[in-house]
Amino acid sequence: MAGNVYWKVTDKGTKVATSFRWFMKVTLRDLGSGLYFQGGTNWTDKAEDALVYRDVETALEAAYMSSMARLELNALLFDDPRYTCRLALDECFPKAAASVGVN
């Protein structure tokens, strides 16, 4: 059971046990505008309002299928912005970048 829980420190310094299933939140962000994808044709400037993909593979597939250039994959670890991994996807999907003249 200990492997399914991690400790989160609140703003008041109190430790709170948190479920492991919230370990990582995966989102997509437009590098040009800085907006996060919300779904459909909607975008937001707030990371907390972004569409959260169930895993990295699903987000990568959505980014590839969109053919949109200048997307960034964001993986927020432990629900703490200090542990956000960012990956610009133009290098992974150069076809999308080339279609709008970005190299």
N, C-alpha and C. Protein backbone atom coordinates (compact mmCIF):
# COMPACT_ATOMS: atom_id res chain seq x y z
N MET A 1 0.81 -1.20 0.00
CA MET A 1 0.00 0.00 0.00
C MET A 1 0.86 1.26 0.00
N ALA A 2 2.01 1.22 0.61
CA ALA A 2 2.87 2.40 0.67
C ALA A 2 3.30 2.86 -0.71
N GLY A 3 3.38 1.95 -1.68
CA GLY A 3 3.77 2.33 -3.03
C GLY A 3 2.71 3.10 -3.78
N ASN A 4 1.46 3.13 -3.28
CA ASN A 4 0.38 3.83 -3.96
C ASN A 4 0.08 5.19 -3.36
N VAL A 5 0.90 5.63 -2.41
CA VAL A 5 0.66 6.90 -1.73
C VAL A 5 1.96 7.69 -1.69
N TYR A 6 1.86 9.00 -1.91
CA TYR A 6 3.00 9.87 -1.67
C TYR A 6 2.53 11.01 -0.79
N TRP A 7 3.48 11.70 -0.17
CA TRP A 7 3.12 12.78 0.75
C TRP A 7 3.24 14.11 0.06
N LYS A 8 2.22 14.92 0.21
CA LYS A 8 2.20 16.27 -0.33
C LYS A 8 2.18 17.23 0.86
N VAL A 9 3.00 18.27 0.81
CA VAL A 9 3.04 19.26 1.88
C VAL A 9 2.15 20.42 1.46
N THR A 10 1.19 20.77 2.29
CA THR A 10 0.27 21.86 1.99
C THR A 10 0.95 23.20 2.22
N ASP A 11 0.25 24.28 1.85
CA ASP A 11 0.79 25.63 2.05
C ASP A 11 1.07 25.93 3.52
N LYS A 12 0.36 25.25 4.41
CA LYS A 12 0.55 25.46 5.85
C LYS A 12 1.60 24.54 6.45
N GLY A 13 2.26 23.73 5.61
CA GLY A 13 3.31 22.86 6.08
C GLY A 13 2.84 21.51 6.59
N THR A 14 1.56 21.22 6.44
CA THR A 14 1.00 19.95 6.90
C THR A 14 1.19 18.89 5.83
N LYS A 15 1.57 17.67 6.24
CA LYS A 15 1.69 16.56 5.29
C LYS A 15 0.33 15.92 5.07
N VAL A 16 0.02 15.65 3.80
CA VAL A 16 -1.23 15.00 3.44
C VAL A 16 -0.91 13.83 2.52
N ALA A 17 -1.47 12.66 2.83
CA ALA A 17 -1.29 11.49 1.97
C ALA A 17 -2.13 11.68 0.71
N THR A 18 -1.53 11.43 -0.44
CA THR A 18 -2.19 11.60 -1.72
C THR A 18 -2.08 10.31 -2.51
N SER A 19 -3.13 9.97 -3.22
CA SER A 19 -3.16 8.76 -4.02
C SER A 19 -2.14 8.83 -5.15
N PHE A 20 -1.53 7.71 -5.44
CA PHE A 20 -0.53 7.60 -6.50
C PHE A 20 -1.12 7.85 -7.88
N ARG A 21 -2.42 7.65 -8.04
CA ARG A 21 -3.02 7.82 -9.37
C ARG A 21 -2.94 9.25 -9.86
N TRP A 22 -2.68 10.21 -8.99
CA TRP A 22 -2.53 11.60 -9.41
C TRP A 22 -1.06 11.96 -9.61
N PHE A 23 -0.25 10.96 -9.77
CA PHE A 23 1.19 11.11 -9.89
C PHE A 23 1.60 12.03 -11.04
N MET A 24 0.92 11.94 -12.19
CA MET A 24 1.35 12.72 -13.35
C MET A 24 0.13 13.22 -14.12
N LYS A 25 0.16 14.50 -14.48
CA LYS A 25 -0.87 15.09 -15.33
C LYS A 25 -0.20 15.49 -16.64
N VAL A 26 -0.73 14.98 -17.74
CA VAL A 26 -0.14 15.23 -19.06
C VAL A 26 -1.06 16.16 -19.84
N THR A 27 -0.50 17.27 -20.33
CA THR A 27 -1.27 18.25 -21.09
C THR A 27 -0.49 18.64 -22.34
N LEU A 28 -1.17 19.34 -23.25
CA LEU A 28 -0.52 19.90 -24.45
C LEU A 28 -0.64 21.42 -24.40
N ARG A 29 0.43 22.09 -24.84
CA ARG A 29 0.47 23.56 -24.83
C ARG A 29 0.97 24.06 -26.18
N ASP A 30 0.39 25.14 -26.66
CA ASP A 30 0.82 25.79 -27.90
C ASP A 30 1.99 26.72 -27.56
N LEU A 31 3.16 26.43 -28.12
CA LEU A 31 4.34 27.25 -27.80
C LEU A 31 4.22 28.68 -28.31
N GLY A 32 3.48 28.87 -29.40
CA GLY A 32 3.32 30.21 -29.96
C GLY A 32 2.51 31.13 -29.06
N SER A 33 1.38 30.64 -28.58
CA SER A 33 0.49 31.46 -27.76
C SER A 33 0.68 31.25 -26.26
N GLY A 34 1.27 30.10 -25.88
CA GLY A 34 1.42 29.76 -24.47
C GLY A 34 0.15 29.19 -23.86
N LEU A 35 -0.89 28.96 -24.68
CA LEU A 35 -2.16 28.45 -24.18
C LEU A 35 -2.15 26.94 -24.10
N TYR A 36 -2.93 26.40 -23.17
CA TYR A 36 -3.07 24.96 -22.96
C TYR A 36 -4.32 24.47 -23.65
N PHE A 37 -4.25 23.28 -24.23
CA PHE A 37 -5.39 22.69 -24.93
C PHE A 37 -6.45 22.23 -23.94
N GLN A 38 -7.71 22.64 -24.20
CA GLN A 38 -8.82 22.26 -23.33
C GLN A 38 -9.69 21.18 -23.95
N GLY A 39 -9.57 20.98 -25.24
CA GLY A 39 -10.42 20.02 -25.94
C GLY A 39 -11.20 20.72 -27.03
N GLY A 40 -11.54 19.96 -28.08
CA GLY A 40 -12.27 20.56 -29.21
C GLY A 40 -11.45 21.66 -29.85
N THR A 41 -11.98 22.86 -29.85
CA THR A 41 -11.25 24.01 -30.40
C THR A 41 -10.92 25.02 -29.29
N ASN A 42 -11.00 24.59 -28.05
CA ASN A 42 -10.82 25.50 -26.92
C ASN A 42 -9.42 25.44 -26.34
N TRP A 43 -8.93 26.63 -25.96
CA TRP A 43 -7.61 26.78 -25.35
C TRP A 43 -7.75 27.66 -24.12
N THR A 44 -6.85 27.51 -23.16
CA THR A 44 -6.89 28.29 -21.93
C THR A 44 -5.48 28.71 -21.52
N ASP A 45 -5.40 29.81 -20.79
CA ASP A 45 -4.09 30.24 -20.28
C ASP A 45 -3.79 29.64 -18.91
N LYS A 46 -4.72 28.88 -18.36
CA LYS A 46 -4.54 28.28 -17.04
C LYS A 46 -4.26 26.78 -17.17
N ALA A 47 -3.11 26.35 -16.70
CA ALA A 47 -2.73 24.94 -16.78
C ALA A 47 -3.74 24.04 -16.07
N GLU A 48 -4.30 24.53 -14.97
CA GLU A 48 -5.25 23.71 -14.21
C GLU A 48 -6.57 23.47 -14.94
N ASP A 49 -6.85 24.28 -15.99
CA ASP A 49 -8.07 24.11 -16.77
C ASP A 49 -7.85 23.31 -18.05
N ALA A 50 -6.62 22.87 -18.28
CA ALA A 50 -6.28 22.14 -19.51
C ALA A 50 -6.84 20.72 -19.48
N LEU A 51 -7.03 20.16 -20.67
CA LEU A 51 -7.41 18.76 -20.79
C LEU A 51 -6.24 17.91 -20.30
N VAL A 52 -6.51 16.97 -19.40
CA VAL A 52 -5.48 16.09 -18.87
C VAL A 52 -5.62 14.73 -19.56
N TYR A 53 -4.56 14.32 -20.25
CA TYR A 53 -4.56 13.03 -20.93
C TYR A 53 -4.25 11.92 -19.95
N ARG A 54 -4.75 10.73 -20.22
CA ARG A 54 -4.57 9.62 -19.28
C ARG A 54 -3.12 9.15 -19.22
N ASP A 55 -2.34 9.39 -20.30
CA ASP A 55 -0.93 9.02 -20.30
C ASP A 55 -0.20 9.77 -21.41
N VAL A 56 1.11 9.65 -21.42
CA VAL A 56 1.94 10.34 -22.41
C VAL A 56 1.62 9.88 -23.83
N GLU A 57 1.42 8.58 -24.01
CA GLU A 57 1.15 8.04 -25.34
C GLU A 57 -0.11 8.64 -25.96
N THR A 58 -1.15 8.80 -25.16
CA THR A 58 -2.40 9.37 -25.65
C THR A 58 -2.20 10.83 -26.06
N ALA A 59 -1.45 11.58 -25.28
CA ALA A 59 -1.17 12.98 -25.62
C ALA A 59 -0.33 13.08 -26.89
N LEU A 60 0.67 12.20 -27.02
CA LEU A 60 1.50 12.21 -28.23
C LEU A 60 0.68 11.86 -29.47
N GLU A 61 -0.21 10.90 -29.34
CA GLU A 61 -1.06 10.54 -30.47
C GLU A 61 -1.97 11.70 -30.86
N ALA A 62 -2.54 12.40 -29.88
CA ALA A 62 -3.39 13.55 -30.15
C ALA A 62 -2.59 14.66 -30.84
N ALA A 63 -1.37 14.90 -30.37
CA ALA A 63 -0.52 15.93 -30.98
C ALA A 63 -0.17 15.57 -32.42
N TYR A 64 0.16 14.32 -32.65
CA TYR A 64 0.51 13.86 -34.00
C TYR A 64 -0.69 13.97 -34.93
N MET A 65 -1.85 13.53 -34.47
CA MET A 65 -3.05 13.55 -35.31
C MET A 65 -3.52 14.97 -35.60
N SER A 66 -3.20 15.92 -34.74
CA SER A 66 -3.64 17.31 -34.96
C SER A 66 -2.88 17.99 -36.08
N SER A 67 -1.67 17.53 -36.38
CA SER A 67 -0.78 18.15 -37.38
C SER A 67 -0.50 19.61 -37.06
N MET A 68 -0.68 20.00 -35.83
CA MET A 68 -0.44 21.38 -35.42
C MET A 68 1.02 21.55 -35.04
N ALA A 69 1.63 22.59 -35.55
CA ALA A 69 3.03 22.88 -35.25
C ALA A 69 3.15 23.58 -33.91
N ARG A 70 4.34 23.52 -33.34
CA ARG A 70 4.71 24.24 -32.12
C ARG A 70 3.93 23.80 -30.89
N LEU A 71 3.66 22.50 -30.79
CA LEU A 71 3.03 21.98 -29.58
C LEU A 71 4.10 21.52 -28.60
N GLU A 72 3.77 21.61 -27.35
CA GLU A 72 4.66 21.17 -26.28
C GLU A 72 3.88 20.20 -25.39
N LEU A 73 4.49 19.08 -25.06
CA LEU A 73 3.92 18.15 -24.11
C LEU A 73 4.40 18.55 -22.72
N ASN A 74 3.46 18.66 -21.79
CA ASN A 74 3.79 19.00 -20.40
C ASN A 74 3.39 17.85 -19.51
N ALA A 75 4.30 17.37 -18.68
CA ALA A 75 3.99 16.34 -17.70
C ALA A 75 4.24 16.94 -16.33
N LEU A 76 3.16 17.20 -15.61
CA LEU A 76 3.24 17.76 -14.27
C LEU A 76 3.32 16.61 -13.28
N LEU A 77 4.44 16.52 -12.59
CA LEU A 77 4.66 15.43 -11.64
C LEU A 77 4.31 15.87 -10.23
N PHE A 78 3.69 15.00 -9.48
CA PHE A 78 3.36 15.22 -8.07
C PHE A 78 2.50 16.46 -7.84
N ASP A 79 1.76 16.90 -8.86
CA ASP A 79 0.87 18.06 -8.73
C ASP A 79 1.62 19.29 -8.21
N ASP A 80 2.87 19.43 -8.65
CA ASP A 80 3.73 20.52 -8.19
C ASP A 80 4.43 21.12 -9.42
N PRO A 81 4.16 22.39 -9.74
CA PRO A 81 4.75 23.02 -10.94
C PRO A 81 6.27 22.98 -11.00
N ARG A 82 6.93 22.81 -9.86
CA ARG A 82 8.40 22.71 -9.88
C ARG A 82 8.87 21.46 -10.58
N TYR A 83 7.99 20.48 -10.71
CA TYR A 83 8.34 19.20 -11.33
C TYR A 83 7.60 19.00 -12.65
N THR A 84 7.56 20.03 -13.48
CA THR A 84 6.94 19.93 -14.79
C THR A 84 8.02 19.64 -15.82
N CYS A 85 7.84 18.55 -16.56
CA CYS A 85 8.73 18.20 -17.66
C CYS A 85 8.08 18.73 -18.94
N ARG A 86 8.87 19.43 -19.76
CA ARG A 86 8.35 19.99 -20.99
C ARG A 86 9.14 19.42 -22.18
N LEU A 87 8.40 19.08 -23.23
CA LEU A 87 9.02 18.54 -24.44
C LEU A 87 8.40 19.19 -25.66
N ALA A 88 9.18 20.00 -26.37
CA ALA A 88 8.70 20.59 -27.63
C ALA A 88 8.59 19.47 -28.66
N LEU A 89 7.43 19.37 -29.29
CA LEU A 89 7.16 18.22 -30.15
C LEU A 89 7.54 18.40 -31.61
N ASP A 90 7.98 19.58 -32.02
CA ASP A 90 8.37 19.79 -33.42
C ASP A 90 9.50 18.85 -33.84
N GLU A 91 10.38 18.53 -32.92
CA GLU A 91 11.47 17.62 -33.25
C GLU A 91 10.99 16.19 -33.36
N CYS A 92 9.91 15.86 -32.65
CA CYS A 92 9.33 14.51 -32.73
C CYS A 92 8.49 14.35 -33.99
N PHE A 93 7.81 15.42 -34.38
CA PHE A 93 6.91 15.40 -35.53
C PHE A 93 7.29 16.51 -36.50
N PRO A 94 8.44 16.42 -37.17
CA PRO A 94 8.91 17.51 -38.03
C PRO A 94 7.96 17.80 -39.19
N LYS A 95 7.16 16.83 -39.59
CA LYS A 95 6.21 17.00 -40.67
C LYS A 95 5.24 18.15 -40.37
N ALA A 96 4.76 18.24 -39.15
CA ALA A 96 3.82 19.29 -38.76
C ALA A 96 4.50 20.65 -38.82
N ALA A 97 5.72 20.74 -38.35
CA ALA A 97 6.45 22.02 -38.36
C ALA A 97 6.73 22.46 -39.79
N ALA A 98 7.11 21.52 -40.65
CA ALA A 98 7.43 21.85 -42.04
C ALA A 98 6.20 22.34 -42.79
N SER A 99 5.00 21.87 -42.42
CA SER A 99 3.79 22.25 -43.14
C SER A 99 3.44 23.73 -42.98
N VAL A 100 3.97 24.39 -41.95
CA VAL A 100 3.72 25.82 -41.75
C VAL A 100 5.01 26.62 -41.88
N GLY A 101 6.06 26.02 -42.35
CA GLY A 101 7.30 26.72 -42.59
C GLY A 101 8.15 26.96 -41.35
N VAL A 102 7.95 26.23 -40.29
CA VAL A 102 8.76 26.36 -39.07
C VAL A 102 9.82 25.28 -39.08
N ASN A 103 11.08 25.64 -39.00
CA ASN A 103 12.18 24.65 -38.96
C ASN A 103 13.14 24.92 -37.85
